[in-house]
PDB file of N, CA and C in Angstrom:
ATOM      1  N   UNK A   1      -1.345  55.978 -16.686  1.00  0.00           N
ATOM      2  CA  UNK A   1      -0.243  56.885 -16.902  1.00  0.00           C
ATOM      3  C   UNK A   1      -0.389  57.485 -18.297  1.00  0.00           C
ATOM      4  N   UNK A   2      -0.156  58.765 -18.368  1.00  0.00           N
ATOM      5  CA  UNK A   2      -0.138  59.472 -19.642  1.00  0.00           C
ATOM      6  C   UNK A   2       1.317  59.646 -20.062  1.00  0.00           C
ATOM      7  N   UNK A   3       1.633  59.380 -21.325  1.00  0.00           N
ATOM      8  CA  UNK A   3       2.996  59.564 -21.834  1.00  0.00           C
ATOM      9  C   UNK A   3       3.055  60.876 -22.610  1.00  0.00           C
ATOM     10  N   UNK A   4       3.894  61.774 -22.142  1.00  0.00           N
ATOM     11  CA  UNK A   4       4.071  63.094 -22.735  1.00  0.00           C
ATOM     12  C   UNK A   4       5.450  63.146 -23.392  1.00  0.00           C
ATOM     13  N   UNK A   5       5.487  63.291 -24.695  1.00  0.00           N
ATOM     14  CA  UNK A   5       6.764  63.387 -25.425  1.00  0.00           C
ATOM     15  C   UNK A   5       7.021  64.860 -25.730  1.00  0.00           C
ATOM     16  N   UNK A   6       8.207  65.353 -25.321  1.00  0.00           N
ATOM     17  CA  UNK A   6       8.561  66.761 -25.506  1.00  0.00           C
ATOM     18  C   UNK A   6       9.809  66.850 -26.372  1.00  0.00           C
ATOM     19  N   UNK A   7       9.774  67.735 -27.354  1.00  0.00           N
ATOM     20  CA  UNK A   7      10.911  67.942 -28.246  1.00  0.00           C
ATOM     21  C   UNK A   7      11.771  69.092 -27.751  1.00  0.00           C
ATOM     22  N   UNK A   8      12.957  68.781 -27.252  1.00  0.00           N
ATOM     23  CA  UNK A   8      13.950  69.791 -26.873  1.00  0.00           C
ATOM     24  C   UNK A   8      15.122  69.786 -27.863  1.00  0.00           C
ATOM     25  N   UNK A   9      14.992  68.999 -28.922  1.00  0.00           N
ATOM     26  CA  UNK A   9      16.021  68.921 -29.960  1.00  0.00           C
ATOM     27  C   UNK A   9      15.993  70.222 -30.782  1.00  0.00           C
ATOM     28  N   UNK A  10      17.128  70.609 -31.380  1.00  0.00           N
ATOM     29  CA  UNK A  10      17.185  71.873 -32.130  1.00  0.00           C
ATOM     30  C   UNK A  10      16.253  71.947 -33.344  1.00  0.00           C
ATOM     31  N   UNK A  11      15.824  70.796 -33.882  1.00  0.00           N
ATOM     32  CA  UNK A  11      14.942  70.810 -35.059  1.00  0.00           C
ATOM     33  C   UNK A  11      13.631  70.092 -34.736  1.00  0.00           C
ATOM     34  N   UNK A  12      12.684  70.216 -35.639  1.00  0.00           N
ATOM     35  CA  UNK A  12      11.425  69.488 -35.507  1.00  0.00           C
ATOM     36  C   UNK A  12      11.660  67.992 -35.679  1.00  0.00           C
ATOM     37  N   UNK A  13      10.674  67.195 -35.276  1.00  0.00           N
ATOM     38  CA  UNK A  13      10.797  65.744 -35.424  1.00  0.00           C
ATOM     39  C   UNK A  13       9.429  65.109 -35.621  1.00  0.00           C
ATOM     40  N   UNK A  14       9.469  63.853 -36.089  1.00  0.00           N
ATOM     41  CA  UNK A  14       8.278  63.023 -36.253  1.00  0.00           C
ATOM     42  C   UNK A  14       8.350  61.884 -35.253  1.00  0.00           C
ATOM     43  N   UNK A  15       7.231  61.569 -34.621  1.00  0.00           N
ATOM     44  CA  UNK A  15       7.169  60.568 -33.556  1.00  0.00           C
ATOM     45  C   UNK A  15       6.070  59.553 -33.831  1.00  0.00           C
ATOM     46  N   UNK A  16       6.339  58.303 -33.476  1.00  0.00           N
ATOM     47  CA  UNK A  16       5.308  57.275 -33.419  1.00  0.00           C
ATOM     48  C   UNK A  16       5.501  56.483 -32.144  1.00  0.00           C
ATOM     49  N   UNK A  17       4.412  55.933 -31.605  1.00  0.00           N
ATOM     50  CA  UNK A  17       4.467  55.168 -30.364  1.00  0.00           C
ATOM     51  C   UNK A  17       3.853  53.780 -30.573  1.00  0.00           C
ATOM     52  N   UNK A  18       4.312  52.819 -29.771  1.00  0.00           N
ATOM     53  CA  UNK A  18       3.780  51.464 -29.800  1.00  0.00           C
ATOM     54  C   UNK A  18       3.322  51.058 -28.419  1.00  0.00           C
ATOM     55  N   UNK A  19       2.351  50.160 -28.349  1.00  0.00           N
ATOM     56  CA  UNK A  19       1.753  49.793 -27.068  1.00  0.00           C
ATOM     57  C   UNK A  19       1.052  48.439 -27.204  1.00  0.00           C
ATOM     58  N   UNK A  20       1.018  47.658 -26.122  1.00  0.00           N
ATOM     59  CA  UNK A  20       0.246  46.421 -26.121  1.00  0.00           C
ATOM     60  C   UNK A  20      -1.244  46.755 -26.191  1.00  0.00           C
ATOM     61  N   UNK A  21      -1.991  45.994 -26.994  1.00  0.00           N
ATOM     62  CA  UNK A  21      -3.421  46.248 -27.127  1.00  0.00           C
ATOM     63  C   UNK A  21      -4.174  44.977 -27.477  1.00  0.00           C
ATOM     64  N   UNK A  22      -5.311  44.793 -26.865  1.00  0.00           N
ATOM     65  CA  UNK A  22      -6.150  43.632 -27.180  1.00  0.00           C
ATOM     66  C   UNK A  22      -6.766  43.761 -28.572  1.00  0.00           C
ATOM     67  N   UNK A  23      -6.772  44.965 -29.133  1.00  0.00           N
ATOM     68  CA  UNK A  23      -7.287  45.165 -30.486  1.00  0.00           C
ATOM     69  C   UNK A  23      -6.433  44.437 -31.528  1.00  0.00           C
ATOM     70  N   UNK A  24      -5.203  44.098 -31.171  1.00  0.00           N
ATOM     71  CA  UNK A  24      -4.302  43.411 -32.100  1.00  0.00           C
ATOM     72  C   UNK A  24      -4.079  41.961 -31.687  1.00  0.00           C
ATOM     73  N   UNK A  25      -4.982  41.408 -30.912  1.00  0.00           N
ATOM     74  CA  UNK A  25      -4.860  40.016 -30.481  1.00  0.00           C
ATOM     75  C   UNK A  25      -4.770  39.114 -31.714  1.00  0.00           C
ATOM     76  N   UNK A  26      -3.774  38.251 -31.710  1.00  0.00           N
ATOM     77  CA  UNK A  26      -3.541  37.373 -32.847  1.00  0.00           C
ATOM     78  C   UNK A  26      -2.707  38.015 -33.940  1.00  0.00           C
ATOM     79  N   UNK A  27      -2.422  39.293 -33.810  1.00  0.00           N
ATOM     80  CA  UNK A  27      -1.605  40.028 -34.786  1.00  0.00           C
ATOM     81  C   UNK A  27      -0.347  40.577 -34.120  1.00  0.00           C
ATOM     82  N   UNK A  28       0.143  39.877 -33.102  1.00  0.00           N
ATOM     83  CA  UNK A  28       1.344  40.301 -32.405  1.00  0.00           C
ATOM     84  C   UNK A  28       1.079  41.016 -31.099  1.00  0.00           C
ATOM     85  N   UNK A  29      -0.187  41.342 -30.845  1.00  0.00           N
ATOM     86  CA  UNK A  29      -0.614  41.960 -29.584  1.00  0.00           C
ATOM     87  C   UNK A  29      -0.071  43.364 -29.353  1.00  0.00           C
ATOM     88  N   UNK A  30       0.568  43.966 -30.348  1.00  0.00           N
ATOM     89  CA  UNK A  30       1.077  45.324 -30.221  1.00  0.00           C
ATOM     90  C   UNK A  30       0.488  46.176 -31.336  1.00  0.00           C
ATOM     91  N   UNK A  31       0.139  47.399 -30.985  1.00  0.00           N
ATOM     92  CA  UNK A  31      -0.337  48.369 -31.956  1.00  0.00           C
ATOM     93  C   UNK A  31       0.549  49.597 -31.934  1.00  0.00           C
ATOM     94  N   UNK A  32       0.328  50.477 -32.880  1.00  0.00           N
ATOM     95  CA  UNK A  32       1.115  51.704 -32.927  1.00  0.00           C
ATOM     96  C   UNK A  32       0.256  52.817 -33.496  1.00  0.00           C
ATOM     97  N   UNK A  33       0.701  54.042 -33.234  1.00  0.00           N
ATOM     98  CA  UNK A  33       0.045  55.214 -33.804  1.00  0.00           C
ATOM     99  C   UNK A  33       1.099  56.287 -34.063  1.00  0.00           C
ATOM    100  N   UNK A  34       0.851  57.067 -35.050  1.00  0.00           N
ATOM    101  CA  UNK A  34       1.772  58.127 -35.432  1.00  0.00           C
ATOM    102  C   UNK A  34       1.223  58.786 -36.695  1.00  0.00           C
ATOM    103  N   UNK A  35       1.790  59.543 -37.337  1.00  0.00           N
ATOM    104  CA  UNK A  35       2.990  60.293 -37.054  1.00  0.00           C
ATOM    105  C   UNK A  35       2.585  61.595 -36.378  1.00  0.00           C
ATOM    106  N   UNK A  36       3.254  61.897 -35.306  1.00  0.00           N
ATOM    107  CA  UNK A  36       3.027  63.148 -34.590  1.00  0.00           C
ATOM    108  C   UNK A  36       4.164  64.103 -34.920  1.00  0.00           C
ATOM    109  N   UNK A  37       3.822  65.311 -35.309  1.00  0.00           N
ATOM    110  CA  UNK A  37       4.822  66.328 -35.623  1.00  0.00           C
ATOM    111  C   UNK A  37       5.068  67.171 -34.388  1.00  0.00           C
ATOM    112  N   UNK A  38       6.338  67.233 -33.966  1.00  0.00           N
ATOM    113  CA  UNK A  38       6.720  68.059 -32.820  1.00  0.00           C
ATOM    114  C   UNK A  38       7.779  69.060 -33.259  1.00  0.00           C
ATOM    115  N   UNK A  39       7.407  70.308 -33.258  1.00  0.00           N
ATOM    116  CA  UNK A  39       8.395  71.356 -33.485  1.00  0.00           C
ATOM    117  C   UNK A  39       9.182  71.527 -32.189  1.00  0.00           C
ATOM    118  N   UNK A  40      10.286  72.260 -32.241  1.00  0.00           N
ATOM    119  CA  UNK A  40      11.095  72.484 -31.047  1.00  0.00           C
ATOM    120  C   UNK A  40      10.232  73.100 -29.942  1.00  0.00           C
ATOM    121  N   UNK A  41      10.432  72.602 -28.718  1.00  0.00           N
ATOM    122  CA  UNK A  41       9.733  73.078 -27.515  1.00  0.00           C
ATOM    123  C   UNK A  41       8.219  72.859 -27.548  1.00  0.00           C
ATOM    124  N   UNK A  42       7.784  71.844 -28.274  1.00  0.00           N
ATOM    125  CA  UNK A  42       6.377  71.447 -28.224  1.00  0.00           C
ATOM    126  C   UNK A  42       6.300  70.020 -27.699  1.00  0.00           C
ATOM    127  N   UNK A  43       5.093  69.612 -27.315  1.00  0.00           N
ATOM    128  CA  UNK A  43       4.925  68.257 -26.798  1.00  0.00           C
ATOM    129  C   UNK A  43       3.589  67.696 -27.246  1.00  0.00           C
ATOM    130  N   UNK A  44       3.445  66.388 -27.092  1.00  0.00           N
ATOM    131  CA  UNK A  44       2.213  65.691 -27.424  1.00  0.00           C
ATOM    132  C   UNK A  44       2.017  64.560 -26.419  1.00  0.00           C
ATOM    133  N   UNK A  45       0.772  64.293 -26.067  1.00  0.00           N
ATOM    134  CA  UNK A  45       0.430  63.150 -25.214  1.00  0.00           C
ATOM    135  C   UNK A  45      -0.374  62.188 -26.087  1.00  0.00           C
ATOM    136  N   UNK A  46       0.309  61.236 -26.749  1.00  0.00           N
ATOM    137  CA  UNK A  46      -0.384  60.355 -27.684  1.00  0.00           C
ATOM    138  C   UNK A  46      -1.003  59.113 -27.053  1.00  0.00           C
ATOM    139  N   UNK A  47      -0.715  58.877 -25.767  1.00  0.00           N
ATOM    140  CA  UNK A  47      -1.099  57.586 -25.220  1.00  0.00           C
ATOM    141  C   UNK A  47      -1.352  57.661 -23.727  1.00  0.00           C
ATOM    142  N   UNK A  48      -2.413  56.992 -23.309  1.00  0.00           N
ATOM    143  CA  UNK A  48      -2.683  56.729 -21.896  1.00  0.00           C
ATOM    144  C   UNK A  48      -2.695  55.215 -21.758  1.00  0.00           C
ATOM    145  N   UNK A  49      -1.936  54.686 -20.800  1.00  0.00           N
ATOM    146  CA  UNK A  49      -1.838  53.241 -20.640  1.00  0.00           C
ATOM    147  C   UNK A  49      -1.583  52.878 -19.190  1.00  0.00           C
ATOM    148  N   UNK A  50      -1.972  51.685 -18.814  1.00  0.00           N
ATOM    149  CA  UNK A  50      -1.613  51.158 -17.497  1.00  0.00           C
ATOM    150  C   UNK A  50      -0.551  50.080 -17.638  1.00  0.00           C
ATOM    151  N   UNK A  51      -0.105  49.841 -18.871  1.00  0.00           N
ATOM    152  CA  UNK A  51       0.943  48.855 -19.126  1.00  0.00           C
ATOM    153  C   UNK A  51       2.310  49.517 -18.944  1.00  0.00           C
ATOM    154  N   UNK A  52       3.226  48.886 -18.218  1.00  0.00           N
ATOM    155  CA  UNK A  52       4.536  49.511 -18.006  1.00  0.00           C
ATOM    156  C   UNK A  52       5.440  49.502 -19.235  1.00  0.00           C
ATOM    157  N   UNK A  53       5.064  48.742 -20.276  1.00  0.00           N
ATOM    158  CA  UNK A  53       5.923  48.618 -21.459  1.00  0.00           C
ATOM    159  C   UNK A  53       5.277  49.281 -22.669  1.00  0.00           C
ATOM    160  N   UNK A  54       5.974  50.243 -23.233  1.00  0.00           N
ATOM    161  CA  UNK A  54       5.577  50.889 -24.476  1.00  0.00           C
ATOM    162  C   UNK A  54       6.839  51.066 -25.318  1.00  0.00           C
ATOM    163  N   UNK A  55       6.668  51.484 -26.559  1.00  0.00           N
ATOM    164  CA  UNK A  55       7.814  51.719 -27.437  1.00  0.00           C
ATOM    165  C   UNK A  55       7.616  53.043 -28.166  1.00  0.00           C
ATOM    166  N   UNK A  56       8.707  53.536 -28.727  1.00  0.00           N
ATOM    167  CA  UNK A  56       8.611  54.739 -29.543  1.00  0.00           C
ATOM    168  C   UNK A  56       9.741  54.774 -30.555  1.00  0.00           C
ATOM    169  N   UNK A  57       9.533  55.558 -31.595  1.00  0.00           N
ATOM    170  CA  UNK A  57      10.534  55.856 -32.605  1.00  0.00           C
ATOM    171  C   UNK A  57      10.349  57.320 -32.970  1.00  0.00           C
ATOM    172  N   UNK A  58      11.447  58.037 -33.114  1.00  0.00           N
ATOM    173  CA  UNK A  58      11.382  59.431 -33.543  1.00  0.00           C
ATOM    174  C   UNK A  58      12.545  59.718 -34.491  1.00  0.00           C
ATOM    175  N   UNK A  59      12.273  60.586 -35.451  1.00  0.00           N
ATOM    176  CA  UNK A  59      13.312  61.026 -36.378  1.00  0.00           C
ATOM    177  C   UNK A  59      13.211  62.535 -36.556  1.00  0.00           C
ATOM    178  N   UNK A  60      14.328  63.208 -36.307  1.00  0.00           N
ATOM    179  CA  UNK A  60      14.387  64.665 -36.419  1.00  0.00           C
ATOM    180  C   UNK A  60      14.689  65.084 -37.852  1.00  0.00           C
ATOM    181  N   UNK A  61      14.372  66.332 -38.144  1.00  0.00           N
ATOM    182  CA  UNK A  61      14.616  66.875 -39.483  1.00  0.00           C
ATOM    183  C   UNK A  61      16.086  66.844 -39.872  1.00  0.00           C
ATOM    184  N   UNK A  62      16.985  66.876 -38.875  1.00  0.00           N
ATOM    185  CA  UNK A  62      18.423  66.839 -39.169  1.00  0.00           C
ATOM    186  C   UNK A  62      18.969  65.419 -39.256  1.00  0.00           C
ATOM    187  N   UNK A  63      18.086  64.402 -39.209  1.00  0.00           N
ATOM    188  CA  UNK A  63      18.504  63.014 -39.383  1.00  0.00           C
ATOM    189  C   UNK A  63      18.756  62.236 -38.103  1.00  0.00           C
ATOM    190  N   UNK A  64      18.759  62.893 -36.948  1.00  0.00           N
ATOM    191  CA  UNK A  64      18.949  62.199 -35.673  1.00  0.00           C
ATOM    192  C   UNK A  64      17.733  61.316 -35.418  1.00  0.00           C
ATOM    193  N   UNK A  65      17.981  60.076 -34.975  1.00  0.00           N
ATOM    194  CA  UNK A  65      16.877  59.168 -34.659  1.00  0.00           C
ATOM    195  C   UNK A  65      16.988  58.677 -33.227  1.00  0.00           C
ATOM    196  N   UNK A  66      15.845  58.350 -32.658  1.00  0.00           N
ATOM    197  CA  UNK A  66      15.735  57.677 -31.369  1.00  0.00           C
ATOM    198  C   UNK A  66      15.029  56.373 -31.693  1.00  0.00           C
ATOM    199  N   UNK A  67      15.793  55.272 -31.688  1.00  0.00           N
ATOM    200  CA  UNK A  67      15.255  54.002 -32.159  1.00  0.00           C
ATOM    201  C   UNK A  67      15.748  52.864 -31.280  1.00  0.00           C
ATOM    202  N   UNK A  68      15.295  51.672 -31.601  1.00  0.00           N
ATOM    203  CA  UNK A  68      15.674  50.495 -30.833  1.00  0.00           C
ATOM    204  C   UNK A  68      15.552  49.240 -31.661  1.00  0.00           C
ATOM    205  N   UNK A  69      15.585  48.060 -30.997  1.00  0.00           N
ATOM    206  CA  UNK A  69      15.678  46.787 -31.697  1.00  0.00           C
ATOM    207  C   UNK A  69      14.353  46.155 -32.132  1.00  0.00           C
ATOM    208  N   UNK A  70      13.222  46.755 -31.795  1.00  0.00           N
ATOM    209  CA  UNK A  70      11.933  46.144 -32.120  1.00  0.00           C
ATOM    210  C   UNK A  70      11.453  46.670 -33.467  1.00  0.00           C
ATOM    211  N   UNK A  71      11.658  45.863 -34.518  1.00  0.00           N
ATOM    212  CA  UNK A  71      11.442  46.299 -35.900  1.00  0.00           C
ATOM    213  C   UNK A  71       9.983  46.101 -36.314  1.00  0.00           C
ATOM    214  N   UNK A  72       9.431  47.138 -36.921  1.00  0.00           N
ATOM    215  CA  UNK A  72       8.051  47.120 -37.398  1.00  0.00           C
ATOM    216  C   UNK A  72       7.960  47.982 -38.658  1.00  0.00           C
ATOM    217  N   UNK A  73       7.067  47.610 -39.557  1.00  0.00           N
ATOM    218  CA  UNK A  73       6.807  48.416 -40.748  1.00  0.00           C
ATOM    219  C   UNK A  73       5.473  49.118 -40.561  1.00  0.00           C
ATOM    220  N   UNK A  74       5.488  50.430 -40.718  1.00  0.00           N
ATOM    221  CA  UNK A  74       4.299  51.246 -40.459  1.00  0.00           C
ATOM    222  C   UNK A  74       3.967  52.094 -41.686  1.00  0.00           C
ATOM    223  N   UNK A  75       2.721  52.561 -41.770  1.00  0.00           N
ATOM    224  CA  UNK A  75       2.343  53.422 -42.901  1.00  0.00           C
ATOM    225  C   UNK A  75       3.140  54.726 -42.917  1.00  0.00           C
ATOM    226  N   UNK A  76       3.273  55.302 -44.103  1.00  0.00           N
ATOM    227  CA  UNK A  76       3.952  56.589 -44.249  1.00  0.00           C
ATOM    228  C   UNK A  76       3.042  57.746 -43.848  1.00  0.00           C
ATOM    229  N   UNK A  77       1.742  57.531 -43.896  1.00  0.00           N
ATOM    230  CA  UNK A  77       0.776  58.569 -43.540  1.00  0.00           C
ATOM    231  C   UNK A  77       0.353  58.401 -42.083  1.00  0.00           C
ATOM    232  N   UNK A  78      -0.385  59.348 -41.551  1.00  0.00           N
ATOM    233  CA  UNK A  78      -0.869  59.265 -40.163  1.00  0.00           C
ATOM    234  C   UNK A  78      -1.687  57.997 -39.971  1.00  0.00           C
ATOM    235  N   UNK A  79      -1.549  57.369 -38.803  1.00  0.00           N
ATOM    236  CA  UNK A  79      -2.259  56.121 -38.532  1.00  0.00           C
ATOM    237  C   UNK A  79      -2.543  56.000 -37.044  1.00  0.00           C
ATOM    238  N   UNK A  80      -3.514  55.125 -36.712  1.00  0.00           N
ATOM    239  CA  UNK A  80      -3.919  54.904 -35.332  1.00  0.00           C
ATOM    240  C   UNK A  80      -4.283  53.427 -35.173  1.00  0.00           C
ATOM    241  N   UNK A  81      -3.798  52.805 -34.130  1.00  0.00           N
ATOM    242  CA  UNK A  81      -4.065  51.398 -33.839  1.00  0.00           C
ATOM    243  C   UNK A  81      -3.677  50.470 -34.986  1.00  0.00           C
ATOM    244  N   UNK A  82      -2.497  50.696 -35.557  1.00  0.00           N
ATOM    245  CA  UNK A  82      -1.961  49.815 -36.598  1.00  0.00           C
ATOM    246  C   UNK A  82      -1.296  48.622 -35.916  1.00  0.00           C
ATOM    247  N   UNK A  83      -1.784  47.407 -36.174  1.00  0.00           N
ATOM    248  CA  UNK A  83      -1.209  46.197 -35.576  1.00  0.00           C
ATOM    249  C   UNK A  83       0.138  45.888 -36.218  1.00  0.00           C
ATOM    250  N   UNK A  84       1.112  45.539 -35.382  1.00  0.00           N
ATOM    251  CA  UNK A  84       2.479  45.351 -35.864  1.00  0.00           C
ATOM    252  C   UNK A  84       2.605  44.246 -36.899  1.00  0.00           C
ATOM    253  N   UNK A  85       1.840  43.183 -36.789  1.00  0.00           N
ATOM    254  CA  UNK A  85       1.993  42.059 -37.714  1.00  0.00           C
ATOM    255  C   UNK A  85       1.128  42.169 -38.956  1.00  0.00           C
ATOM    256  N   UNK A  86       0.504  43.306 -39.165  1.00  0.00           N
ATOM    257  CA  UNK A  86      -0.298  43.534 -40.365  1.00  0.00           C
ATOM    258  C   UNK A  86       0.549  44.327 -41.342  1.00  0.00           C
ATOM    259  N   UNK A  87       0.762  43.776 -42.516  1.00  0.00           N
ATOM    260  CA  UNK A  87       1.620  44.427 -43.497  1.00  0.00           C
ATOM    261  C   UNK A  87       0.993  45.667 -44.103  1.00  0.00           C
ATOM    262  N   UNK A  88       1.825  46.500 -44.669  1.00  0.00           N
ATOM    263  CA  UNK A  88       1.376  47.680 -45.401  1.00  0.00           C
ATOM    264  C   UNK A  88       2.038  47.663 -46.768  1.00  0.00           C
ATOM    265  N   UNK A  89       1.322  48.139 -47.791  1.00  0.00           N
ATOM    266  CA  UNK A  89       1.875  48.087 -49.147  1.00  0.00           C
ATOM    267  C   UNK A  89       2.999  49.102 -49.337  1.00  0.00           C
ATOM    268  N   UNK A  90       2.848  50.268 -48.771  1.00  0.00           N
ATOM    269  CA  UNK A  90       3.895  51.290 -48.816  1.00  0.00           C
ATOM    270  C   UNK A  90       4.131  51.742 -47.391  1.00  0.00           C
ATOM    271  N   UNK A  91       5.301  51.415 -46.857  1.00  0.00           N
ATOM    272  CA  UNK A  91       5.553  51.761 -45.465  1.00  0.00           C
ATOM    273  C   UNK A  91       7.009  52.053 -45.191  1.00  0.00           C
ATOM    274  N   UNK A  92       7.266  52.337 -43.935  1.00  0.00           N
ATOM    275  CA  UNK A  92       8.606  52.630 -43.458  1.00  0.00           C
ATOM    276  C   UNK A  92       8.943  51.617 -42.371  1.00  0.00           C
ATOM    277  N   UNK A  93      10.087  50.971 -42.488  1.00  0.00           N
ATOM    278  CA  UNK A  93      10.525  50.022 -41.474  1.00  0.00           C
ATOM    279  C   UNK A  93      11.394  50.759 -40.470  1.00  0.00           C
ATOM    280  N   UNK A  94      10.994  50.691 -39.203  1.00  0.00           N
ATOM    281  CA  UNK A  94      11.695  51.410 -38.137  1.00  0.00           C
ATOM    282  C   UNK A  94      11.976  50.464 -36.979  1.00  0.00           C
ATOM    283  N   UNK A  95      12.939  50.827 -36.152  1.00  0.00           N
ATOM    284  CA  UNK A  95      13.248  50.101 -34.928  1.00  0.00           C
ATOM    285  C   UNK A  95      12.687  50.865 -33.744  1.00  0.00           C
ATOM    286  N   UNK A  96      11.810  50.222 -33.008  1.00  0.00           N
ATOM    287  CA  UNK A  96      11.169  50.871 -31.866  1.00  0.00           C
ATOM    288  C   UNK A  96      12.021  50.691 -30.613  1.00  0.00           C
ATOM    289  N   UNK A  97      12.114  51.737 -29.801  1.00  0.00           N
ATOM    290  CA  UNK A  97      12.844  51.707 -28.531  1.00  0.00           C
ATOM    291  C   UNK A  97      11.868  51.386 -27.408  1.00  0.00           C
ATOM    292  N   UNK A  98      12.249  50.445 -26.546  1.00  0.00           N
ATOM    293  CA  UNK A  98      11.413  50.062 -25.415  1.00  0.00           C
ATOM    294  C   UNK A  98      11.495  51.112 -24.313  1.00  0.00           C
ATOM    295  N   UNK A  99      10.349  51.453 -23.761  1.00  0.00           N
ATOM    296  CA  UNK A  99      10.254  52.370 -22.633  1.00  0.00           C
ATOM    297  C   UNK A  99       9.528  51.627 -21.519  1.00  0.00           C
ATOM    298  N   UNK A 100      10.216  51.417 -20.399  1.00  0.00           N
ATOM    299  CA  UNK A 100       9.610  50.747 -19.259  1.00  0.00           C
ATOM    300  C   UNK A 100       9.376  51.777 -18.165  1.00  0.00           C
ATOM    301  N   UNK A 101       8.142  51.847 -17.697  1.00  0.00           N
ATOM    302  CA  UNK A 101       7.751  52.854 -16.708  1.00  0.00           C
ATOM    303  C   UNK A 101       7.365  52.193 -15.396  1.00  0.00           C
ATOM    304  N   UNK A 102       7.724  52.825 -14.309  1.00  0.00           N
ATOM    305  CA  UNK A 102       7.312  52.384 -12.986  1.00  0.00           C
ATOM    306  C   UNK A 102       5.933  52.955 -12.672  1.00  0.00           C
ATOM    307  N   UNK A 103       5.148  52.221 -11.901  1.00  0.00           N
ATOM    308  CA  UNK A 103       3.842  52.702 -11.427  1.00  0.00           C
ATOM    309  C   UNK A 103       2.916  53.120 -12.562  1.00  0.00           C
ATOM    310  N   UNK A 104       2.910  52.356 -13.653  1.00  0.00           N
ATOM    311  CA  UNK A 104       2.101  52.709 -14.821  1.00  0.00           C
ATOM    312  C   UNK A 104       0.605  52.704 -14.522  1.00  0.00           C
ATOM    313  N   UNK A 105       0.203  52.011 -13.479  1.00  0.00           N
ATOM    314  CA  UNK A 105      -1.227  51.935 -13.182  1.00  0.00           C
ATOM    315  C   UNK A 105      -1.780  53.187 -12.514  1.00  0.00           C
ATOM    316  N   UNK A 106      -0.904  54.100 -12.104  1.00  0.00           N
ATOM    317  CA  UNK A 106      -1.352  55.328 -11.443  1.00  0.00           C
ATOM    318  C   UNK A 106      -1.613  56.434 -12.463  1.00  0.00           C
ATOM    319  N   UNK A 107      -2.443  57.377 -12.102  1.00  0.00           N
ATOM    320  CA  UNK A 107      -2.805  58.479 -12.978  1.00  0.00           C
ATOM    321  C   UNK A 107      -1.785  59.612 -12.836  1.00  0.00           C
ATOM    322  N   UNK A 108      -0.796  59.622 -13.675  1.00  0.00           N
ATOM    323  CA  UNK A 108       0.200  60.694 -13.684  1.00  0.00           C
ATOM    324  C   UNK A 108       0.743  60.844 -15.096  1.00  0.00           C
ATOM    325  N   UNK A 109       1.509  61.893 -15.327  1.00  0.00           N
ATOM    326  CA  UNK A 109       2.107  62.154 -16.634  1.00  0.00           C
ATOM    327  C   UNK A 109       3.593  61.865 -16.566  1.00  0.00           C
ATOM    328  N   UNK A 110       4.083  61.008 -17.450  1.00  0.00           N
ATOM    329  CA  UNK A 110       5.517  60.764 -17.570  1.00  0.00           C
ATOM    330  C   UNK A 110       5.997  61.493 -18.808  1.00  0.00           C
ATOM    331  N   UNK A 111       7.016  62.317 -18.645  1.00  0.00           N
ATOM    332  CA  UNK A 111       7.551  63.089 -19.762  1.00  0.00           C
ATOM    333  C   UNK A 111       8.826  62.460 -20.280  1.00  0.00           C
ATOM    334  N   UNK A 112       8.894  62.277 -21.590  1.00  0.00           N
ATOM    335  CA  UNK A 112      10.074  61.769 -22.281  1.00  0.00           C
ATOM    336  C   UNK A 112      10.576  62.916 -23.163  1.00  0.00           C
ATOM    337  N   UNK A 113      11.832  63.338 -22.955  1.00  0.00           N
ATOM    338  CA  UNK A 113      12.365  64.474 -23.695  1.00  0.00           C
ATOM    339  C   UNK A 113      13.379  64.031 -24.742  1.00  0.00           C
ATOM    340  N   UNK A 114      13.259  64.601 -25.928  1.00  0.00           N
ATOM    341  CA  UNK A 114      14.236  64.405 -26.998  1.00  0.00           C
ATOM    342  C   UNK A 114      15.177  65.605 -26.947  1.00  0.00           C
ATOM    343  N   UNK A 115      16.478  65.353 -26.763  1.00  0.00           N
ATOM    344  CA  UNK A 115      17.440  66.450 -26.700  1.00  0.00           C
ATOM    345  C   UNK A 115      18.501  66.300 -27.772  1.00  0.00           C
TER     346      UNK A 115
END
């Protein structure tokens, strides 16, 4: 399954995603990547996965956030495959929102819209 994040919010936003990965085995088993810049009416496909559980965090220019209870500290700059249990010297602590998808093992695009 491909995850497509679309910004329908009135302002631009920054997005990061989290996902289970064997690359982070022993470091919490979850990785993340970000920051993706989405202007209004744009989208990004940052992740392809067969796992039904992923997470995301987004913050719009006007201060609106889409967050959840899974707390992680991530780099302030662009990053890829950052393991959740690996510290960063200068980072941002965010709450990731859980996204559970049906039929994640099939090849299709799931769109998540920020409004």
